[in-house]
């Protein structure tokens, strides 16, 4: 699961995102994802997704490809994430779909 929800002291929703960094072995459409690092970001659900990218860059380093973050659903379909949308809009869907959040490492 890509996230866990909780509440902050002020009553707003907080989401804990688990994000992997890695690369695809083999062909990009049929290869298997190999995670090389895992990052955790706690963020307000209504904050812009850019906050997640900025936090990843502070954890993984400014040279990282954190700005290339995307989601993958259970069927393997990639979902582009909008840095200007809220965290909730990018990670929670009305049909219950959850995404595995990924970004490529420097080799990927």
Protein backbone atom coordinates (compact mmCIF):
# COMPACT_ATOMS: atom_id res chain seq x y z
CA UNK A 1 0.00 0.00 0.00
CA UNK A 2 1.28 3.44 -0.89
CA UNK A 3 -0.07 5.34 2.06
CA UNK A 4 -1.49 5.24 5.57
CA UNK A 5 -3.83 7.98 6.79
CA UNK A 6 -4.01 9.52 10.26
CA UNK A 7 -4.93 12.83 11.82
CA UNK A 8 -2.77 15.71 12.97
CA UNK A 9 -3.34 17.53 16.25
CA UNK A 10 -5.22 20.25 14.43
CA UNK A 11 -7.65 17.66 13.03
CA UNK A 12 -6.38 17.72 9.43
CA UNK A 13 -5.63 14.50 7.57
CA UNK A 14 -2.04 13.36 7.38
CA UNK A 15 -0.83 10.75 4.93
CA UNK A 16 2.30 8.65 5.32
CA UNK A 17 3.62 7.81 1.88
CA UNK A 18 6.05 4.97 1.31
CA UNK A 19 8.01 5.58 -1.87
CA UNK A 20 10.60 3.35 -3.52
CA UNK A 21 13.50 4.41 -5.68
CA UNK A 22 14.88 1.91 -8.16
CA UNK A 23 14.96 0.82 -11.75
CA UNK A 24 13.32 -1.57 -14.23
CA UNK A 25 15.32 -4.65 -15.20
CA UNK A 26 14.96 -5.55 -18.86
CA UNK A 27 12.59 -3.75 -21.19
CA UNK A 28 10.76 -0.77 -19.71
CA UNK A 29 7.34 -2.20 -20.57
CA UNK A 30 7.89 -5.80 -19.48
CA UNK A 31 10.77 -5.60 -17.04
CA UNK A 32 10.57 -6.14 -13.28
CA UNK A 33 10.90 -3.22 -10.84
CA UNK A 34 13.90 -3.48 -8.54
CA UNK A 35 13.79 -1.17 -5.55
CA UNK A 36 17.13 0.08 -4.29
CA UNK A 37 15.91 2.51 -1.60
CA UNK A 38 12.74 3.23 0.34
CA UNK A 39 11.65 6.64 1.62
CA UNK A 40 8.84 7.69 3.94
CA UNK A 41 7.18 11.09 3.73
CA UNK A 42 4.55 12.35 6.20
CA UNK A 43 2.48 15.08 4.58
CA UNK A 44 -0.87 16.83 4.92
CA UNK A 45 -3.50 15.39 2.60
CA UNK A 46 -4.45 18.81 1.26
CA UNK A 47 -0.88 20.01 0.64
CA UNK A 48 0.42 20.28 -2.90
CA UNK A 49 2.20 17.12 -4.10
CA UNK A 50 5.27 19.27 -4.78
CA UNK A 51 5.87 19.11 -0.99
CA UNK A 52 6.41 15.34 -1.36
CA UNK A 53 8.89 15.87 -4.19
CA UNK A 54 10.79 18.48 -2.18
CA UNK A 55 10.94 16.17 0.85
CA UNK A 56 12.21 13.30 -1.33
CA UNK A 57 14.92 15.53 -2.78
CA UNK A 58 16.03 16.48 0.74
CA UNK A 59 16.21 12.79 1.71
CA UNK A 60 17.63 11.33 -1.52
CA UNK A 61 19.77 14.29 -2.54
CA UNK A 62 19.26 17.15 -4.98
CA UNK A 63 20.71 15.07 -7.84
CA UNK A 64 17.97 12.44 -7.42
CA UNK A 65 15.18 11.97 -9.94
CA UNK A 66 12.47 12.51 -7.31
CA UNK A 67 10.67 14.89 -9.67
CA UNK A 68 10.03 11.88 -11.94
CA UNK A 69 7.81 10.21 -9.29
CA UNK A 70 4.87 8.18 -10.60
CA UNK A 71 2.34 5.67 -9.33
CA UNK A 72 1.70 2.09 -10.41
CA UNK A 73 -1.65 0.42 -9.80
CA UNK A 74 -2.22 -3.30 -9.11
CA UNK A 75 -2.54 -3.97 -12.85
CA UNK A 76 0.87 -2.46 -13.57
CA UNK A 77 -0.52 0.69 -15.19
CA UNK A 78 1.58 3.83 -14.65
CA UNK A 79 -0.11 6.98 -13.37
CA UNK A 80 1.47 10.39 -13.81
CA UNK A 81 1.31 12.47 -10.63
CA UNK A 82 0.59 16.20 -10.78
CA UNK A 83 2.90 18.26 -8.52
CA UNK A 84 0.27 21.03 -8.42
CA UNK A 85 -2.57 18.75 -7.30
CA UNK A 86 -3.05 17.88 -3.65
CA UNK A 87 -1.55 14.76 -2.13
CA UNK A 88 -5.08 13.35 -1.69
CA UNK A 89 -5.94 13.93 -5.37
CA UNK A 90 -2.80 12.09 -6.49
CA UNK A 91 -3.02 9.14 -4.11
CA UNK A 92 -6.66 8.36 -3.30
CA UNK A 93 -9.24 7.36 -5.88
CA UNK A 94 -12.98 6.93 -5.49
CA UNK A 95 -12.81 3.35 -6.80
CA UNK A 96 -10.41 2.31 -4.03
CA UNK A 97 -7.34 2.10 -6.26
CA UNK A 98 -4.08 2.51 -4.39
CA UNK A 99 -0.79 3.23 -6.05
CA UNK A 100 2.73 2.04 -5.41
CA UNK A 101 4.80 5.22 -5.61
CA UNK A 102 8.15 5.03 -7.39
CA UNK A 103 10.88 7.18 -8.85
CA UNK A 104 13.89 6.09 -10.90
CA UNK A 105 17.35 5.99 -9.38
CA UNK A 106 20.24 7.64 -11.18
CA UNK A 107 20.75 4.52 -13.31
CA UNK A 108 17.06 4.20 -14.27
